[in-house]
Amino acid sequence: MTFNSAQIDPHQLVARVRQWAGELGFSQIGVAGVDLSSAEPGLMQWLEQGFHGSMDYMAAHGLRRARPAELVPGTLSVITARMDYLPRASGEGWQAIELSRLRRAGEGTVSLYARGRDYHKVVRARLQKLQDRMAESVGPFGHRVFADSAPVLEAELAARSGQGWRGKHTLILSREAGSLFFLGEIYVDLALPASAPAAAHCGSCQACIDLCPTQAIIAPYRLDARRCISYLTIEHAGSIPADLRPLIGNRIYGCDDCQLVCPWNKFARRSTLADFDERAGLNAQPLAHLLGWSEAEFLRITEGSPIRRIGHVRWLRNVAVALGNALRAAAQGFCAETARAALAGRLDHPDALVREHVRWALSQGADAPLS
């Protein structure tokens, strides 16, 4: 719908939306148009090459991802929102601290974004409150809220609306905030003024490409999800390819490596919300302990966390791989006997996926010294 003289000016509305969004914990608001046709060839090529792996929903929705007005008929503009998630307690040098965690082979590492409350719930609930405030100002209007919950071409919309530029790792980068933020969208049937896109500032840097443990960033701005540790430990439901298992290290849910080495993340902003504070008992825990969680324990400890979405079986699969890597590394201070005992306790697990990865893990530690 378009505004008439009795309604608020669209520029004023966007200004108010920015104010309300700040009060709700969002860091930045942008507006994008709905013509994403220039992004369609790249999307189709990515799908045709199979880089989406087993994420069949991406192929099923096809070009609807790049056509907001087809996904939600009547959409005239897309409001994009950014919410920072670096835990509030993160101190100076947090990138170096996180990189050092990867050298502690006997401890599991969980991606930064997943150490607090499930962002899907937080972002979606606050976007809905933002929409409610808009409706109070302009009256009822057509809308739909998204928080990584539907076939939305999220990064493209974010880049077009000035949230940042597409980094070589394919994530959105901001000069003021790095890349540690969530994105959300409100599709609206309001004609709003589009924000100016941000210029790219990666330059000749390719630190993210060089460091990627599995070389999933096959070229600048090109990611093969099938090799990405985040995909393998979260989205992928089956067996992790044997040649990639040793490269996963102690990462049991997600991977932050490309963000940890990005120079722009020295500007990453700490969240203003307690929701993303790190929960106790999830990160930097002994792998043997994590492998011992029963399904009931897993569900209790991960309640309200994004980790719960992978389920207990995939959790055990991931932890088993990390334990195998720790056994092979025979890291100082790591008790191989405890690890082997924990793995042996899962050899008769009822799920074949768990048994397969446990057997592999035990084979990695055949020569590991007892301690």
Protein backbone atom coordinates (compact mmCIF):
# COMPACT_ATOMS: atom_id res chain seq x y z
CA MET A 1 0.00 0.00 0.00
CA THR A 2 1.14 3.57 -0.54
CA PHE A 3 0.85 6.46 1.88
CA ASN A 4 -1.73 9.21 1.53
CA SER A 5 -1.66 12.70 2.96
CA ALA A 6 -3.40 11.56 6.14
CA GLN A 7 -0.63 9.12 6.92
CA ILE A 8 2.90 9.61 8.14
CA ASP A 9 5.55 10.47 5.57
CA PRO A 10 7.47 7.29 4.60
CA HIS A 11 10.84 8.90 5.42
CA GLN A 12 9.53 9.83 8.86
CA LEU A 13 8.24 6.31 9.34
CA VAL A 14 11.64 4.79 8.57
CA ALA A 15 13.23 7.22 11.04
CA ARG A 16 10.75 6.14 13.70
CA VAL A 17 11.33 2.47 12.90
CA ARG A 18 15.05 3.00 13.50
CA GLN A 19 14.30 4.57 16.89
CA TRP A 20 11.92 1.81 17.92
CA ALA A 21 14.33 -0.86 16.68
CA GLY A 22 17.12 0.56 18.84
CA GLU A 23 14.84 0.34 21.88
CA LEU A 24 14.21 -3.33 21.04
CA GLY A 25 17.89 -4.27 20.87
CA PHE A 26 18.51 -3.96 17.14
CA SER A 27 21.69 -2.27 15.99
CA GLN A 28 20.70 -1.08 12.53
CA ILE A 29 17.68 -0.87 10.25
CA GLY A 30 17.70 -0.73 6.46
CA VAL A 31 15.18 -0.87 3.64
CA ALA A 32 15.53 -2.80 0.39
CA GLY A 33 13.40 -2.93 -2.73
CA VAL A 34 11.97 -6.18 -4.04
CA ASP A 35 13.74 -6.40 -7.42
CA LEU A 36 16.54 -8.90 -6.79
CA SER A 37 16.65 -10.16 -10.37
CA SER A 38 20.37 -9.45 -10.74
CA ALA A 39 21.05 -12.00 -7.97
CA GLU A 40 19.10 -14.80 -9.66
CA PRO A 41 21.82 -16.12 -12.02
CA GLY A 42 24.31 -16.51 -9.17
CA LEU A 43 21.73 -18.25 -7.00
CA MET A 44 20.79 -20.72 -9.73
CA GLN A 45 24.43 -21.47 -10.54
CA TRP A 46 25.14 -22.15 -6.86
CA LEU A 47 22.20 -24.54 -6.67
CA GLU A 48 23.06 -26.26 -9.96
CA GLN A 49 26.57 -26.95 -8.71
CA GLY A 50 25.10 -28.66 -5.66
CA PHE A 51 26.87 -26.37 -3.21
CA HIS A 52 23.77 -26.39 -0.98
CA GLY A 53 24.42 -30.04 -0.12
CA SER A 54 21.47 -31.77 1.54
CA MET A 55 19.64 -28.52 2.23
CA ASP A 56 16.95 -29.51 -0.27
CA TYR A 57 14.63 -26.71 0.81
CA MET A 58 16.95 -24.24 -0.93
CA ALA A 59 16.49 -25.93 -4.28
CA ALA A 60 12.79 -26.56 -3.67
CA HIS A 61 12.09 -22.85 -3.28
CA GLY A 62 14.39 -21.92 -6.16
CA LEU A 63 13.93 -18.39 -7.42
CA ARG A 64 11.24 -17.57 -4.88
CA ARG A 65 14.15 -16.76 -2.58
CA ALA A 66 15.07 -13.90 -4.92
CA ARG A 67 11.49 -12.75 -5.49
CA PRO A 68 10.03 -11.29 -2.29
CA ALA A 69 6.75 -10.35 -3.96
CA GLU A 70 6.21 -13.99 -4.95
CA LEU A 71 7.07 -15.32 -1.53
CA VAL A 72 4.72 -12.83 0.14
CA PRO A 73 2.28 -11.39 -2.43
CA GLY A 74 1.83 -7.66 -2.15
CA THR A 75 5.31 -6.98 -0.75
CA LEU A 76 6.65 -3.59 -1.83
CA SER A 77 9.61 -3.17 0.54
CA VAL A 78 11.74 -5.24 2.87
CA ILE A 79 12.84 -3.84 6.21
CA THR A 80 16.12 -5.47 7.28
CA ALA A 81 17.38 -5.51 10.84
CA ARG A 82 20.75 -6.30 12.42
CA MET A 83 21.20 -7.61 15.96
CA ASP A 84 24.70 -8.02 17.43
CA TYR A 85 25.41 -11.27 19.28
CA LEU A 86 28.96 -11.12 20.66
CA PRO A 87 28.39 -12.02 24.35
CA ARG A 88 28.43 -9.03 26.67
CA ALA A 89 31.25 -10.49 28.78
CA SER A 90 33.64 -10.78 25.83
CA GLY A 91 36.80 -8.88 26.66
CA GLU A 92 39.58 -7.36 24.62
CA GLY A 93 41.39 -9.90 22.50
CA TRP A 94 38.33 -12.16 22.29
CA GLN A 95 39.36 -13.31 18.79
CA ALA A 96 42.70 -14.63 20.03
CA ILE A 97 40.96 -16.27 22.98
CA GLU A 98 38.53 -18.06 20.69
CA LEU A 99 41.31 -19.21 18.37
CA SER A 100 43.19 -20.60 21.37
CA ARG A 101 40.16 -22.74 22.25
CA LEU A 102 40.69 -24.65 19.01
CA ARG A 103 44.04 -25.89 20.33
CA ARG A 104 42.43 -27.49 23.39
CA ALA A 105 41.76 -30.79 21.69
CA GLY A 106 40.01 -32.38 24.64
CA GLU A 107 37.39 -29.63 24.97
CA GLY A 108 34.42 -29.09 22.67
CA THR A 109 34.03 -25.72 20.96
CA VAL A 110 30.59 -24.30 20.23
CA SER A 111 30.13 -21.41 17.79
CA LEU A 112 29.78 -18.04 19.51
CA TYR A 113 26.29 -17.39 18.23
CA ALA A 114 24.96 -20.62 19.76
CA ARG A 115 26.15 -20.18 23.34
CA GLY A 116 23.09 -18.24 24.45
CA ARG A 117 19.40 -18.28 23.66
CA ASP A 118 18.09 -19.41 20.28
CA TYR A 119 18.37 -16.36 18.04
CA HIS A 120 15.42 -17.45 15.92
CA LYS A 121 13.13 -16.80 18.88
CA VAL A 122 14.81 -13.61 20.04
CA VAL A 123 14.99 -11.90 16.65
CA ARG A 124 11.55 -12.99 15.53
CA ALA A 125 9.82 -11.90 18.74
CA ARG A 126 11.45 -8.47 18.64
CA LEU A 127 10.72 -7.99 14.95
CA GLN A 128 7.09 -8.74 15.70
CA LYS A 129 7.12 -6.07 18.42
CA LEU A 130 8.65 -3.67 15.92
CA GLN A 131 5.88 -4.44 13.46
CA ASP A 132 3.29 -3.86 16.19
CA ARG A 133 4.69 -0.39 16.83
CA MET A 134 4.52 0.35 13.13
CA ALA A 135 0.89 -0.72 13.03
CA GLU A 136 0.10 1.58 15.95
CA SER A 137 1.53 4.45 13.90
CA VAL A 138 0.13 3.78 10.42
CA GLY A 139 -2.70 1.34 11.05
CA PRO A 140 -2.95 -2.27 9.89
CA PHE A 141 -0.76 -3.23 6.93
CA GLY A 142 0.36 -6.41 5.20
CA HIS A 143 3.52 -7.88 6.60
CA ARG A 144 5.47 -11.05 7.37
CA VAL A 145 8.38 -11.42 9.77
CA PHE A 146 11.41 -13.62 9.03
CA ALA A 147 14.34 -14.67 11.20
CA ASP A 148 16.26 -17.28 9.22
CA SER A 149 12.96 -19.09 8.97
CA ALA A 150 11.96 -19.14 5.30
CA PRO A 151 13.43 -18.98 1.77
CA VAL A 152 14.66 -15.41 2.08
CA LEU A 153 17.75 -14.18 0.22
CA GLU A 154 18.90 -12.66 3.47
CA ALA A 155 22.46 -11.60 2.69
CA GLU A 156 21.43 -10.02 -0.61
CA LEU A 157 18.70 -8.00 1.06
CA ALA A 158 21.07 -6.97 3.84
CA ALA A 159 23.72 -5.79 1.38
CA ARG A 160 21.23 -3.85 -0.71
CA SER A 161 19.80 -2.14 2.38
CA GLY A 162 23.14 -0.88 3.70
CA GLN A 163 23.73 -3.38 6.50
CA GLY A 164 27.16 -4.06 5.04
CA TRP A 165 28.86 -5.68 2.07
CA ARG A 166 29.20 -9.34 1.16
CA GLY A 167 32.57 -10.51 2.44
CA LYS A 168 34.70 -13.06 0.63
CA HIS A 169 33.44 -15.65 3.13
CA THR A 170 29.89 -14.75 1.90
CA LEU A 171 28.83 -13.26 5.25
CA ILE A 172 27.77 -9.63 5.58
CA LEU A 173 30.54 -7.33 6.86
CA SER A 174 30.17 -3.90 8.39
CA ARG A 175 32.95 -1.37 8.95
CA GLU A 176 31.31 -0.47 12.27
CA ALA A 177 30.34 -3.94 13.48
CA GLY A 178 32.29 -6.68 11.71
CA SER A 179 30.13 -9.73 11.02
CA LEU A 180 28.98 -11.03 14.40
CA PHE A 181 25.32 -10.18 14.06
CA PHE A 182 22.02 -11.81 13.18
CA LEU A 183 19.80 -10.59 10.39
CA GLY A 184 16.03 -10.44 10.25
CA GLU A 185 13.45 -9.07 7.84
CA ILE A 186 9.94 -7.69 7.72
CA TYR A 187 8.28 -7.94 4.31
CA VAL A 188 5.75 -5.09 4.09
CA ASP A 189 3.19 -3.84 1.61
CA LEU A 190 4.36 -0.28 2.26
CA ALA A 191 6.36 1.69 -0.28
CA LEU A 192 9.35 2.82 1.76
CA PRO A 193 12.51 4.66 0.63
CA ALA A 194 15.37 2.23 0.04
CA SER A 195 18.62 2.62 1.96
CA ALA A 196 21.91 3.18 0.18
CA PRO A 197 24.07 0.04 -0.12
CA ALA A 198 27.48 -0.07 1.56
CA ALA A 199 30.72 -0.13 -0.40
CA ALA A 200 32.89 -3.24 -0.20
CA HIS A 201 36.08 -3.08 1.85
CA CYS A 202 37.70 -6.53 1.72
CA GLY A 203 40.37 -5.32 -0.68
CA SER A 204 43.12 -7.87 -1.30
CA CYS A 205 42.63 -9.58 2.07
CA GLN A 206 41.77 -13.27 1.91
CA ALA A 207 42.46 -14.32 5.49
CA CYS A 208 39.13 -16.12 5.68
CA ILE A 209 39.91 -18.17 2.56
CA ASP A 210 43.40 -19.07 3.74
CA LEU A 211 42.33 -20.19 7.21
CA CYS A 212 39.16 -22.16 6.41
CA PRO A 213 39.99 -25.63 7.82
CA THR A 214 38.17 -27.51 5.05
CA GLN A 215 38.74 -24.98 2.23
CA ALA A 216 34.98 -24.59 1.92
CA ILE A 217 35.45 -21.05 0.54
CA ILE A 218 36.43 -22.29 -2.89
CA ALA A 219 36.82 -18.77 -4.31
CA PRO A 220 36.11 -15.24 -3.12
CA TYR A 221 32.36 -14.94 -2.44
CA ARG A 222 31.82 -18.64 -3.24
CA LEU A 223 31.08 -21.21 -0.55
CA ASP A 224 30.66 -24.94 -1.02
CA ALA A 225 28.43 -25.70 1.96
CA ARG A 226 29.19 -29.40 1.64
CA ARG A 227 32.69 -28.72 3.00
CA CYS A 228 31.70 -26.12 5.59
CA ILE A 229 32.04 -27.25 9.22
CA SER A 230 28.95 -25.29 10.21
CA TYR A 231 26.95 -27.18 7.60
CA LEU A 232 28.51 -30.54 8.50
CA THR A 233 27.87 -30.22 12.24
CA ILE A 234 24.45 -28.55 12.07
CA GLU A 235 22.57 -28.85 8.79
CA HIS A 236 23.88 -32.20 7.57
CA ALA A 237 21.93 -35.10 9.02
CA GLY A 238 23.96 -38.03 7.73
CA SER A 239 27.47 -39.37 7.93
CA ILE A 240 30.25 -36.78 7.90
CA PRO A 241 32.65 -37.58 5.02
CA ALA A 242 35.66 -39.44 6.42
CA ASP A 243 38.18 -37.16 4.70
CA LEU A 244 36.68 -34.09 6.37
CA ARG A 245 36.42 -35.48 9.90
CA PRO A 246 40.07 -34.83 10.85
CA LEU A 247 39.70 -31.21 9.73
CA ILE A 248 36.80 -30.55 12.10
CA GLY A 249 39.08 -30.63 15.14
CA ASN A 250 37.17 -29.96 18.36
CA ARG A 251 34.35 -27.98 16.75
CA ILE A 252 31.16 -29.70 17.86
CA TYR A 253 28.57 -27.12 16.76
CA GLY A 254 29.39 -24.63 14.05
CA CYS A 255 32.64 -22.92 13.12
CA ASP A 256 33.77 -19.31 13.57
CA ASP A 257 37.22 -19.49 11.98
CA CYS A 258 36.53 -17.22 9.00
CA GLN A 259 35.16 -14.59 11.38
CA LEU A 260 37.89 -14.95 13.98
CA VAL A 261 40.61 -13.99 11.49
CA CYS A 262 38.67 -11.23 9.76
CA PRO A 263 40.31 -7.86 10.50
CA TRP A 264 36.95 -6.13 10.50
CA ASN A 265 35.80 -8.10 13.52
CA LYS A 266 38.00 -6.01 15.78
CA PHE A 267 34.98 -3.70 15.48
CA ALA A 268 32.44 -6.40 16.39
CA ARG A 269 29.95 -5.01 18.87
CA ARG A 270 28.92 -6.71 22.04
CA SER A 271 25.26 -7.51 22.34
CA THR A 272 23.09 -5.28 24.48
CA LEU A 273 20.89 -8.26 25.36
CA ALA A 274 21.35 -10.84 28.09
CA ASP A 275 19.82 -13.41 25.72
CA PHE A 276 23.18 -13.98 24.04
CA ASP A 277 25.25 -14.28 27.20
CA GLU A 278 27.17 -17.54 27.28
CA ARG A 279 25.38 -20.32 29.14
CA ALA A 280 27.30 -22.51 31.53
CA GLY A 281 27.90 -26.12 30.59
CA LEU A 282 27.87 -25.83 26.79
CA ASN A 283 31.22 -24.52 25.60
CA ALA A 284 34.76 -25.61 26.50
CA GLN A 285 33.53 -28.75 28.25
CA PRO A 286 35.49 -32.02 28.28
CA LEU A 287 34.48 -34.04 25.23
CA ALA A 288 34.26 -37.29 27.19
CA HIS A 289 31.74 -35.62 29.49
CA LEU A 290 29.66 -34.34 26.57
CA LEU A 291 29.59 -37.77 24.95
CA GLY A 292 28.11 -39.15 28.15
CA TRP A 293 25.00 -36.96 28.05
CA SER A 294 21.80 -38.96 27.88
CA GLU A 295 19.09 -37.68 25.58
CA ALA A 296 17.22 -36.32 28.60
CA GLU A 297 20.33 -34.43 29.71
CA PHE A 298 20.89 -33.10 26.21
CA LEU A 299 17.32 -31.80 26.01
CA ARG A 300 17.48 -30.26 29.47
CA ILE A 301 20.82 -28.51 29.03
CA THR A 302 20.04 -27.24 25.51
CA GLU A 303 16.50 -26.05 26.29
CA GLY A 304 15.98 -22.69 24.60
CA SER A 305 19.31 -23.06 22.75
CA PRO A 306 19.75 -23.37 18.97
CA ILE A 307 21.84 -26.48 19.65
CA ARG A 308 18.74 -28.46 20.50
CA ARG A 309 17.62 -28.37 16.87
CA ILE A 310 20.26 -30.92 15.78
CA GLY A 311 19.00 -33.54 18.21
CA HIS A 312 20.86 -35.95 20.48
CA VAL A 313 22.07 -38.30 17.72
CA ARG A 314 23.82 -35.62 15.70
CA TRP A 315 25.24 -34.17 18.91
CA LEU A 316 26.84 -37.53 19.74
CA ARG A 317 28.08 -37.85 16.15
CA ASN A 318 29.81 -34.48 16.38
CA VAL A 319 31.34 -35.11 19.79
CA ALA A 320 32.58 -38.54 18.70
CA VAL A 321 34.41 -36.99 15.73
CA ALA A 322 36.01 -34.40 18.01
CA LEU A 323 37.09 -37.13 20.43
CA GLY A 324 38.66 -39.08 17.58
CA ASN A 325 40.59 -35.99 16.56
CA ALA A 326 41.74 -35.48 20.15
CA LEU A 327 42.91 -39.09 20.37
CA ARG A 328 44.91 -38.73 17.19
CA ALA A 329 46.47 -35.48 18.39
CA ALA A 330 47.33 -37.00 21.79
CA ALA A 331 47.34 -33.48 23.20
CA GLN A 332 49.17 -32.66 26.41
CA GLY A 333 46.92 -33.07 29.43
CA PHE A 334 44.39 -35.11 27.46
CA CYS A 335 43.49 -38.46 29.00
CA ALA A 336 43.28 -40.97 26.16
CA GLU A 337 42.08 -43.70 28.49
CA THR A 338 39.08 -41.64 29.59
CA ALA A 339 38.29 -40.79 25.98
CA ARG A 340 38.44 -44.38 24.83
CA ALA A 341 36.25 -45.47 27.73
CA ALA A 342 33.65 -42.82 26.85
CA LEU A 343 33.65 -43.91 23.21
CA ALA A 344 33.46 -47.59 24.09
CA GLY A 345 30.36 -46.81 26.12
CA ARG A 346 28.63 -45.68 22.91
CA LEU A 347 29.60 -48.63 20.71
CA ASP A 348 26.21 -50.24 21.22
CA HIS A 349 24.18 -47.06 20.70
CA PRO A 350 20.90 -47.91 18.95
CA ASP A 351 21.55 -45.45 16.12
CA ALA A 352 23.90 -46.61 13.34
CA LEU A 353 25.10 -43.06 12.70
CA VAL A 354 26.47 -42.78 16.23
CA ARG A 355 28.05 -46.23 16.11
CA GLU A 356 29.80 -45.46 12.81
CA HIS A 357 31.42 -42.27 14.10
CA VAL A 358 32.34 -43.85 17.43
CA ARG A 359 34.14 -46.71 15.67
CA TRP A 360 35.99 -44.18 13.51
CA ALA A 361 36.97 -42.17 16.58
CA LEU A 362 38.36 -45.24 18.33
CA SER A 363 40.39 -46.10 15.25
CA GLN A 364 42.06 -42.70 15.44
CA GLY A 365 43.40 -43.43 18.89
CA ALA A 366 44.92 -46.85 18.34
CA ASP A 367 48.38 -45.56 19.22
CA ALA A 368 47.35 -42.91 21.71
CA PRO A 369 49.24 -43.20 25.00
CA LEU A 370 47.43 -43.89 28.22
CA SER A 371 47.67 -41.19 30.87
